C-alpha atoms as a PDB file:
ATOM      1  CA  MET A   1       9.543   5.059  28.644  1.00  0.00           C
ATOM      2  CA  LYS A   2      12.641   6.177  26.779  1.00  0.00           C
ATOM      3  CA  THR A   3      13.681   2.557  26.278  1.00  0.00           C
ATOM      4  CA  TRP A   4      10.269   1.648  24.852  1.00  0.00           C
ATOM      5  CA  ALA A   5      10.341   4.656  22.525  1.00  0.00           C
ATOM      6  CA  PHE A   6      13.762   3.575  21.285  1.00  0.00           C
ATOM      7  CA  VAL A   7      12.542   0.017  20.660  1.00  0.00           C
ATOM      8  CA  CYS A   8       9.530   1.283  18.719  1.00  0.00           C
ATOM      9  CA  ALA A   9      11.699   3.546  16.596  1.00  0.00           C
ATOM     10  CA  PHE A  10      14.138   0.710  15.944  1.00  0.00           C
ATOM     11  CA  LEU A  11      11.369  -1.679  14.871  1.00  0.00           C
ATOM     12  CA  LEU A  12       9.850   0.979  12.616  1.00  0.00           C
ATOM     13  CA  ALA A  13      13.238   1.525  10.977  1.00  0.00           C
ATOM     14  CA  LEU A  14      13.583  -2.205  10.378  1.00  0.00           C
ATOM     15  CA  MET A  15      10.125  -2.399   8.809  1.00  0.00           C
ATOM     16  CA  THR A  16      10.858   0.560   6.569  1.00  0.00           C
ATOM     17  CA  ALA A  17      14.227  -0.783   5.465  1.00  0.00           C
ATOM     18  CA  ALA A  18      12.612  -4.121   4.682  1.00  0.00           C
ATOM     19  CA  GLY A  19      10.149  -2.440   2.356  1.00  0.00           C
ATOM     20  CA  ALA A  20       7.133  -3.285   4.524  1.00  0.00           C
ATOM     21  CA  ALA A  21       4.740  -0.750   2.985  1.00  0.00           C
ATOM     22  CA  PRO A  22       3.798  -1.270  -0.682  1.00  0.00           C
ATOM     23  CA  GLU A  23       3.005   1.615  -2.991  1.00  0.00           C
ATOM     24  CA  GLU A  24      -0.380   1.030  -4.680  1.00  0.00           C
ATOM     25  CA  PHE A  25      -1.413   2.154  -8.157  1.00  0.00           C
ATOM     26  CA  LEU A  26      -4.887   1.715  -9.591  1.00  0.00           C
ATOM     27  CA  THR A  27      -5.009   0.453 -13.190  1.00  0.00           C
ATOM     28  CA  SER A  28      -7.813  -0.603 -15.514  1.00  0.00           C
ATOM     29  CA  ASP A  29      -6.943  -4.204 -14.676  1.00  0.00           C
ATOM     30  CA  GLY A  30      -6.729  -3.909 -10.902  1.00  0.00           C
ATOM     31  CA  VAL A  31      -4.275  -2.633  -8.325  1.00  0.00           C
ATOM     32  CA  VAL A  32      -0.516  -2.862  -8.821  1.00  0.00           C
ATOM     33  CA  LYS A  33       1.545  -3.008  -5.637  1.00  0.00           C
ATOM     34  CA  ILE A  34       5.224  -2.037  -5.749  1.00  0.00           C
ATOM     35  CA  THR A  35       7.315  -2.571  -2.642  1.00  0.00           C
ATOM     36  CA  PRO A  36      10.809  -1.112  -2.185  1.00  0.00           C
ATOM     37  CA  VAL A  37      13.114  -3.824  -0.857  1.00  0.00           C
ATOM     38  CA  ARG A  38      16.731  -2.690  -0.763  1.00  0.00           C
ATOM     39  CA  HIS A  39      19.100  -0.548  -2.860  1.00  0.00           C
ATOM     40  CA  ALA A  40      17.910  -1.409  -6.410  1.00  0.00           C
ATOM     41  CA  SER A  41      15.524  -4.232  -5.509  1.00  0.00           C
ATOM     42  CA  LEU A  42      11.751  -3.996  -5.690  1.00  0.00           C
ATOM     43  CA  THR A  43       8.755  -6.293  -5.748  1.00  0.00           C
ATOM     44  CA  ILE A  44       5.847  -5.802  -8.152  1.00  0.00           C
ATOM     45  CA  GLU A  45       2.479  -7.509  -7.752  1.00  0.00           C
ATOM     46  CA  GLY A  46      -0.433  -7.304 -10.164  1.00  0.00           C
ATOM     47  CA  GLY A  47      -2.477  -9.338 -12.587  1.00  0.00           C
ATOM     48  CA  GLY A  48      -1.910 -12.499 -10.591  1.00  0.00           C
ATOM     49  CA  MET A  49       1.874 -12.232 -10.988  1.00  0.00           C
ATOM     50  CA  LEU A  50       4.694 -11.602  -8.550  1.00  0.00           C
ATOM     51  CA  ILE A  51       7.676  -9.920 -10.193  1.00  0.00           C
ATOM     52  CA  GLN A  52      11.024  -9.414  -8.477  1.00  0.00           C
ATOM     53  CA  VAL A  53      13.422  -6.840  -9.919  1.00  0.00           C
ATOM     54  CA  ASP A  54      17.148  -7.237  -9.173  1.00  0.00           C
ATOM     55  CA  PRO A  55      16.570  -9.227  -5.974  1.00  0.00           C
ATOM     56  CA  TRP A  56      19.547  -8.800  -3.668  1.00  0.00           C
ATOM     57  CA  GLY A  57      20.318 -10.225  -0.238  1.00  0.00           C
ATOM     58  CA  ALA A  58      18.538 -13.512   0.439  1.00  0.00           C
ATOM     59  CA  SER A  59      17.737 -12.387   3.991  1.00  0.00           C
ATOM     60  CA  ASN A  60      15.579  -9.598   2.542  1.00  0.00           C
ATOM     61  CA  TYR A  61      13.185 -12.265   1.248  1.00  0.00           C
ATOM     62  CA  ALA A  62      12.728 -14.384   4.382  1.00  0.00           C
ATOM     63  CA  THR A  63       8.924 -14.238   4.110  1.00  0.00           C
ATOM     64  CA  SER A  64       8.592 -13.864   0.324  1.00  0.00           C
ATOM     65  CA  ARG A  65       6.756 -16.391  -1.781  1.00  0.00           C
ATOM     66  CA  PRO A  66       8.381 -17.602  -5.027  1.00  0.00           C
ATOM     67  CA  ALA A  67       8.369 -15.203  -7.960  1.00  0.00           C
ATOM     68  CA  ASP A  68       6.660 -15.744 -11.297  1.00  0.00           C
ATOM     69  CA  LEU A  69       9.133 -13.465 -13.067  1.00  0.00           C
ATOM     70  CA  ILE A  70      12.575 -12.217 -12.041  1.00  0.00           C
ATOM     71  CA  LEU A  71      13.892  -9.257 -14.046  1.00  0.00           C
ATOM     72  CA  ILE A  72      17.626  -8.583 -13.880  1.00  0.00           C
ATOM     73  CA  THR A  73      19.023  -5.318 -15.225  1.00  0.00           C
ATOM     74  CA  HIS A  74      22.690  -6.316 -15.452  1.00  0.00           C
ATOM     75  CA  GLU A  75      25.346  -8.664 -14.110  1.00  0.00           C
ATOM     76  CA  HIS A  76      26.882  -6.633 -11.258  1.00  0.00           C
ATOM     77  CA  GLY A  77      26.690  -8.259  -7.834  1.00  0.00           C
ATOM     78  CA  ASP A  78      24.277  -5.735  -6.327  1.00  0.00           C
ATOM     79  CA  HIS A  79      21.794  -6.580  -9.102  1.00  0.00           C
ATOM     80  CA  LEU A  80      22.532 -10.214  -9.912  1.00  0.00           C
ATOM     81  CA  ASP A  81      22.554 -12.124  -6.624  1.00  0.00           C
ATOM     82  CA  GLU A  82      22.396 -15.849  -7.337  1.00  0.00           C
ATOM     83  CA  GLU A  83      21.634 -16.734  -3.707  1.00  0.00           C
ATOM     84  CA  ALA A  84      18.624 -14.402  -3.618  1.00  0.00           C
ATOM     85  CA  ILE A  85      17.451 -15.664  -7.006  1.00  0.00           C
ATOM     86  CA  ALA A  86      17.698 -19.268  -5.826  1.00  0.00           C
ATOM     87  CA  LYS A  87      15.557 -18.433  -2.789  1.00  0.00           C
ATOM     88  CA  LEU A  88      12.857 -16.859  -4.960  1.00  0.00           C
ATOM     89  CA  ARG A  89      12.704 -19.479  -7.711  1.00  0.00           C
ATOM     90  CA  LYS A  90      10.163 -22.185  -8.310  1.00  0.00           C
ATOM     91  CA  PRO A  91      10.101 -24.581 -11.300  1.00  0.00           C
ATOM     92  CA  ALA A  92       7.969 -22.214 -13.393  1.00  0.00           C
ATOM     93  CA  THR A  93       9.842 -18.995 -12.547  1.00  0.00           C
ATOM     94  CA  ILE A  94      11.078 -17.066 -15.579  1.00  0.00           C
ATOM     95  CA  ILE A  95      14.351 -15.156 -15.271  1.00  0.00           C
ATOM     96  CA  ALA A  96      14.797 -12.466 -17.917  1.00  0.00           C
ATOM     97  CA  GLY A  97      17.658 -10.091 -18.651  1.00  0.00           C
ATOM     98  CA  PRO A  98      20.374  -9.009 -21.090  1.00  0.00           C
ATOM     99  CA  ALA A  99      23.099 -11.214 -22.577  1.00  0.00           C
ATOM    100  CA  ALA A 100      25.581 -10.319 -19.817  1.00  0.00           C
ATOM    101  CA  VAL A 101      23.164 -11.850 -17.304  1.00  0.00           C
ATOM    102  CA  ARG A 102      22.588 -14.944 -19.427  1.00  0.00           C
ATOM    103  CA  ALA A 103      26.356 -15.453 -19.528  1.00  0.00           C
ATOM    104  CA  LYS A 104      26.183 -16.035 -15.757  1.00  0.00           C
ATOM    105  CA  LEU A 105      22.736 -17.646 -15.671  1.00  0.00           C
ATOM    106  CA  PRO A 106      22.323 -19.673 -18.896  1.00  0.00           C
ATOM    107  CA  GLU A 107      18.621 -20.251 -18.222  1.00  0.00           C
ATOM    108  CA  THR A 108      17.939 -16.505 -18.533  1.00  0.00           C
ATOM    109  CA  LEU A 109      15.417 -15.487 -21.180  1.00  0.00           C
ATOM    110  CA  LEU A 110      17.195 -12.919 -23.337  1.00  0.00           C
ATOM    111  CA  LEU A 111      15.819  -9.380 -23.359  1.00  0.00           C
ATOM    112  CA  GLY A 112      18.077  -7.281 -25.579  1.00  0.00           C
ATOM    113  CA  ASP A 113      17.984  -3.546 -26.256  1.00  0.00           C
ATOM    114  CA  GLY A 114      14.552  -2.511 -27.478  1.00  0.00           C
ATOM    115  CA  SER A 115      13.024  -5.980 -27.306  1.00  0.00           C
ATOM    116  CA  THR A 116       9.528  -6.492 -25.906  1.00  0.00           C
ATOM    117  CA  LYS A 117       8.033  -9.620 -24.374  1.00  0.00           C
ATOM    118  CA  SER A 118       4.723 -10.380 -22.700  1.00  0.00           C
ATOM    119  CA  PHE A 119       4.398 -12.229 -19.417  1.00  0.00           C
ATOM    120  CA  GLY A 120       0.771 -12.870 -18.560  1.00  0.00           C
ATOM    121  CA  LYS A 121      -0.964  -9.488 -18.578  1.00  0.00           C
ATOM    122  CA  TRP A 122       2.349  -7.639 -18.397  1.00  0.00           C
ATOM    123  CA  LYS A 123       4.347  -6.331 -21.349  1.00  0.00           C
ATOM    124  CA  VAL A 124       8.030  -5.687 -20.669  1.00  0.00           C
ATOM    125  CA  GLU A 125      10.239  -3.535 -22.905  1.00  0.00           C
ATOM    126  CA  ALA A 126      14.025  -3.448 -22.477  1.00  0.00           C
ATOM    127  CA  ILE A 127      15.465   0.090 -22.479  1.00  0.00           C
ATOM    128  CA  PRO A 128      19.242   0.572 -22.936  1.00  0.00           C
ATOM    129  CA  ALA A 129      21.014   1.480 -19.684  1.00  0.00           C
ATOM    130  CA  TYR A 130      24.604   2.693 -19.851  1.00  0.00           C
ATOM    131  CA  ASN A 131      27.125   5.378 -18.940  1.00  0.00           C
ATOM    132  CA  LEU A 132      27.733   8.429 -21.060  1.00  0.00           C
ATOM    133  CA  LYS A 133      30.786   9.810 -19.230  1.00  0.00           C
ATOM    134  CA  ARG A 134      31.356   7.916 -15.942  1.00  0.00           C
ATOM    135  CA  MET A 135      34.420   5.739 -16.494  1.00  0.00           C
ATOM    136  CA  ARG A 136      36.590   3.331 -14.543  1.00  0.00           C
ATOM    137  CA  PRO A 137      40.288   4.162 -14.062  1.00  0.00           C
ATOM    138  CA  ASP A 138      41.068   2.077 -17.172  1.00  0.00           C
ATOM    139  CA  GLY A 139      38.830   4.327 -19.284  1.00  0.00           C
ATOM    140  CA  LYS A 140      35.987   1.827 -19.695  1.00  0.00           C
ATOM    141  CA  PRO A 141      32.447   2.804 -18.691  1.00  0.00           C
ATOM    142  CA  PHE A 142      31.111   1.471 -15.413  1.00  0.00           C
ATOM    143  CA  HIS A 143      28.153   0.275 -17.476  1.00  0.00           C
ATOM    144  CA  PRO A 144      28.979  -0.172 -21.172  1.00  0.00           C
ATOM    145  CA  ARG A 145      26.211   0.225 -23.696  1.00  0.00           C
ATOM    146  CA  GLY A 146      24.623  -3.096 -24.610  1.00  0.00           C
ATOM    147  CA  GLU A 147      25.353  -4.851 -21.314  1.00  0.00           C
ATOM    148  CA  GLY A 148      22.508  -3.528 -19.162  1.00  0.00           C
ATOM    149  CA  ASN A 149      18.797  -2.844 -19.362  1.00  0.00           C
ATOM    150  CA  GLY A 150      16.229  -0.614 -17.854  1.00  0.00           C
ATOM    151  CA  TYR A 151      12.637  -1.774 -18.227  1.00  0.00           C
ATOM    152  CA  VAL A 152       9.242  -0.317 -19.031  1.00  0.00           C
ATOM    153  CA  LEU A 153       6.485  -2.544 -17.681  1.00  0.00           C
ATOM    154  CA  ALA A 154       3.006  -1.941 -19.076  1.00  0.00           C
ATOM    155  CA  PHE A 155      -0.093  -3.216 -17.313  1.00  0.00           C
ATOM    156  CA  GLY A 156      -3.721  -2.100 -17.217  1.00  0.00           C
ATOM    157  CA  GLY A 157      -3.069   1.106 -19.120  1.00  0.00           C
ATOM    158  CA  LYS A 158      -0.197   2.173 -16.831  1.00  0.00           C
ATOM    159  CA  ARG A 159       3.507   2.298 -17.651  1.00  0.00           C
ATOM    160  CA  PHE A 160       6.201   1.750 -15.030  1.00  0.00           C
ATOM    161  CA  TYR A 161       9.859   2.549 -15.760  1.00  0.00           C
ATOM    162  CA  ILE A 162      12.789   1.026 -13.862  1.00  0.00           C
ATOM    163  CA  SER A 163      16.061   2.629 -14.885  1.00  0.00           C
ATOM    164  CA  GLY A 164      18.649   0.045 -13.862  1.00  0.00           C
ATOM    165  CA  ASP A 165      22.160   1.520 -13.644  1.00  0.00           C
ATOM    166  CA  THR A 166      22.464   4.284 -16.195  1.00  0.00           C
ATOM    167  CA  GLU A 167      23.035   7.943 -16.843  1.00  0.00           C
ATOM    168  CA  GLY A 168      20.408  10.204 -18.418  1.00  0.00           C
ATOM    169  CA  THR A 169      20.684   8.657 -21.871  1.00  0.00           C
ATOM    170  CA  PRO A 170      18.794   9.781 -24.981  1.00  0.00           C
ATOM    171  CA  GLU A 171      16.674   6.626 -24.661  1.00  0.00           C
ATOM    172  CA  MET A 172      15.617   7.595 -21.142  1.00  0.00           C
ATOM    173  CA  ARG A 173      14.883  11.166 -22.134  1.00  0.00           C
ATOM    174  CA  ALA A 174      12.760   9.973 -25.079  1.00  0.00           C
ATOM    175  CA  LEU A 175      10.416   7.870 -22.958  1.00  0.00           C
ATOM    176  CA  LYS A 176       6.717   8.708 -23.309  1.00  0.00           C
ATOM    177  CA  ASN A 177       3.661   8.323 -21.116  1.00  0.00           C
ATOM    178  CA  ILE A 178       5.437   7.011 -18.037  1.00  0.00           C
ATOM    179  CA  ASP A 179       3.183   6.937 -14.983  1.00  0.00           C
ATOM    180  CA  VAL A 180       5.741   5.809 -12.407  1.00  0.00           C
ATOM    181  CA  ALA A 181       9.542   5.882 -12.654  1.00  0.00           C
ATOM    182  CA  PHE A 182      12.312   4.484 -10.479  1.00  0.00           C
ATOM    183  CA  VAL A 183      15.478   6.419 -11.325  1.00  0.00           C
ATOM    184  CA  CYS A 184      18.997   5.687 -10.082  1.00  0.00           C
ATOM    185  CA  MET A 185      21.568   8.239  -8.901  1.00  0.00           C
ATOM    186  CA  ASN A 186      24.881   7.751  -7.170  1.00  0.00           C
ATOM    187  CA  LEU A 187      28.522   8.473  -7.916  1.00  0.00           C
ATOM    188  CA  PRO A 188      30.754   7.365  -9.402  1.00  0.00           C
ATOM    189  CA  TYR A 189      28.587   4.697 -11.039  1.00  0.00           C
ATOM    190  CA  THR A 190      25.531   6.460 -12.461  1.00  0.00           C
ATOM    191  CA  MET A 191      24.762  10.183 -12.144  1.00  0.00           C
ATOM    192  CA  THR A 192      24.306  13.109  -9.796  1.00  0.00           C
ATOM    193  CA  PRO A 193      20.885  14.054  -8.431  1.00  0.00           C
ATOM    194  CA  GLU A 194      20.943  17.166 -10.633  1.00  0.00           C
ATOM    195  CA  GLU A 195      21.608  15.063 -13.748  1.00  0.00           C
ATOM    196  CA  ALA A 196      18.892  12.612 -12.770  1.00  0.00           C
ATOM    197  CA  ALA A 197      16.426  15.453 -12.278  1.00  0.00           C
ATOM    198  CA  ALA A 198      17.279  16.927 -15.686  1.00  0.00           C
ATOM    199  CA  ALA A 199      16.576  13.551 -17.324  1.00  0.00           C
ATOM    200  CA  VAL A 200      13.306  13.202 -15.410  1.00  0.00           C
ATOM    201  CA  ARG A 201      12.249  16.677 -16.549  1.00  0.00           C
ATOM    202  CA  ALA A 202      12.769  15.509 -20.120  1.00  0.00           C
ATOM    203  CA  PHE A 203      10.422  12.501 -20.004  1.00  0.00           C
ATOM    204  CA  LYS A 204       8.062  13.817 -17.301  1.00  0.00           C
ATOM    205  CA  PRO A 205       6.711  10.781 -15.453  1.00  0.00           C
ATOM    206  CA  LYS A 206       3.746  11.453 -13.214  1.00  0.00           C
ATOM    207  CA  VAL A 207       5.571  10.041 -10.173  1.00  0.00           C
ATOM    208  CA  VAL A 208       9.278   9.408  -9.627  1.00  0.00           C
ATOM    209  CA  TYR A 209      11.071   7.469  -6.910  1.00  0.00           C
ATOM    210  CA  PRO A 210      14.837   7.905  -6.555  1.00  0.00           C
ATOM    211  CA  TYR A 211      16.451   4.529  -5.888  1.00  0.00           C
ATOM    212  CA  HIS A 212      19.946   3.005  -6.100  1.00  0.00           C
ATOM    213  CA  SER A 213      20.908   6.262  -4.397  1.00  0.00           C
ATOM    214  CA  ARG A 214      23.325   5.343  -1.613  1.00  0.00           C
ATOM    215  CA  ASN A 215      25.135   8.420  -0.220  1.00  0.00           C
ATOM    216  CA  THR A 216      23.148  10.755  -2.496  1.00  0.00           C
ATOM    217  CA  ASP A 217      21.547  13.996  -1.326  1.00  0.00           C
ATOM    218  CA  LEU A 218      17.950  13.290  -2.305  1.00  0.00           C
ATOM    219  CA  ALA A 219      16.839  16.729  -1.170  1.00  0.00           C
ATOM    220  CA  THR A 220      18.858  18.101  -4.086  1.00  0.00           C
ATOM    221  CA  PHE A 221      16.972  15.840  -6.492  1.00  0.00           C
ATOM    222  CA  GLN A 222      13.651  16.870  -5.009  1.00  0.00           C
ATOM    223  CA  LYS A 223      14.516  20.571  -5.158  1.00  0.00           C
ATOM    224  CA  ALA A 224      15.662  20.293  -8.794  1.00  0.00           C
ATOM    225  CA  LEU A 225      12.221  18.961  -9.747  1.00  0.00           C
ATOM    226  CA  ALA A 226      10.239  21.643  -7.926  1.00  0.00           C
ATOM    227  CA  GLY A 227       7.648  23.156 -10.249  1.00  0.00           C
ATOM    228  CA  SER A 228       8.116  20.437 -12.874  1.00  0.00           C
ATOM    229  CA  GLY A 229       4.744  18.794 -12.292  1.00  0.00           C
ATOM    230  CA  VAL A 230       6.498  15.523 -11.401  1.00  0.00           C
ATOM    231  CA  GLU A 231       5.651  14.149  -7.963  1.00  0.00           C
ATOM    232  CA  VAL A 232       8.799  13.055  -6.124  1.00  0.00           C
ATOM    233  CA  ARG A 233       8.349  10.299  -3.554  1.00  0.00           C
ATOM    234  CA  LEU A 234      11.230   9.570  -1.196  1.00  0.00           C
ATOM    235  CA  ARG A 235      11.357   6.158   0.451  1.00  0.00           C
ATOM    236  CA  ASN A 236      13.928   4.475   2.686  1.00  0.00           C
ATOM    237  CA  TRP A 237      15.855   1.925   0.614  1.00  0.00           C
ATOM    238  CA  TYR A 238      18.707   1.546   3.126  1.00  0.00           C
END
């Protein structure tokens, strides 16, 4: 009995880590399904489109069908994984991202700071993602301004924000009418859970998911948003 219980728990952990359960959001144009995959990777389905965000680890997509759109936030290896992208591509797949991504993948459709493009029924706006104070030993930011994006995806009257790797920038804090947000937090690359919570309090999404949060105390993030009116949803990304 103990062995069987262990096997069941192990299989459940594998399913959770693989992002088996999608989160569903009702819009005026149908249901949007968002599935956590791994670390900073997520799958978005809605309006007849399959969107992959920062796909990483080809083995995480063993049963995935090809994507219609692949959004890349920046060029770091845990966000730009050419093997995973190759697995998810078909001839009509669009890859979109900032100039630093296009430098590695020349076929990338450029989405610069503040630019907006439509893909089917989806509208995608690039939001600057960068460090304010977290620096490498040489004094350069882990994520310099202008090299990375976050994204706001609008569909069916709902707005979904994906932060990419960033600190709580003025552009993040100025966001309006965000229904669902995916916000990063981990040191030394982005920000602390307290800093992330302060930024979330500023733009007040209805629902927030912490992601890209390896080795972060998510209970601290959740506690810092108590009483804010923002629903915090914790999922297993690792």
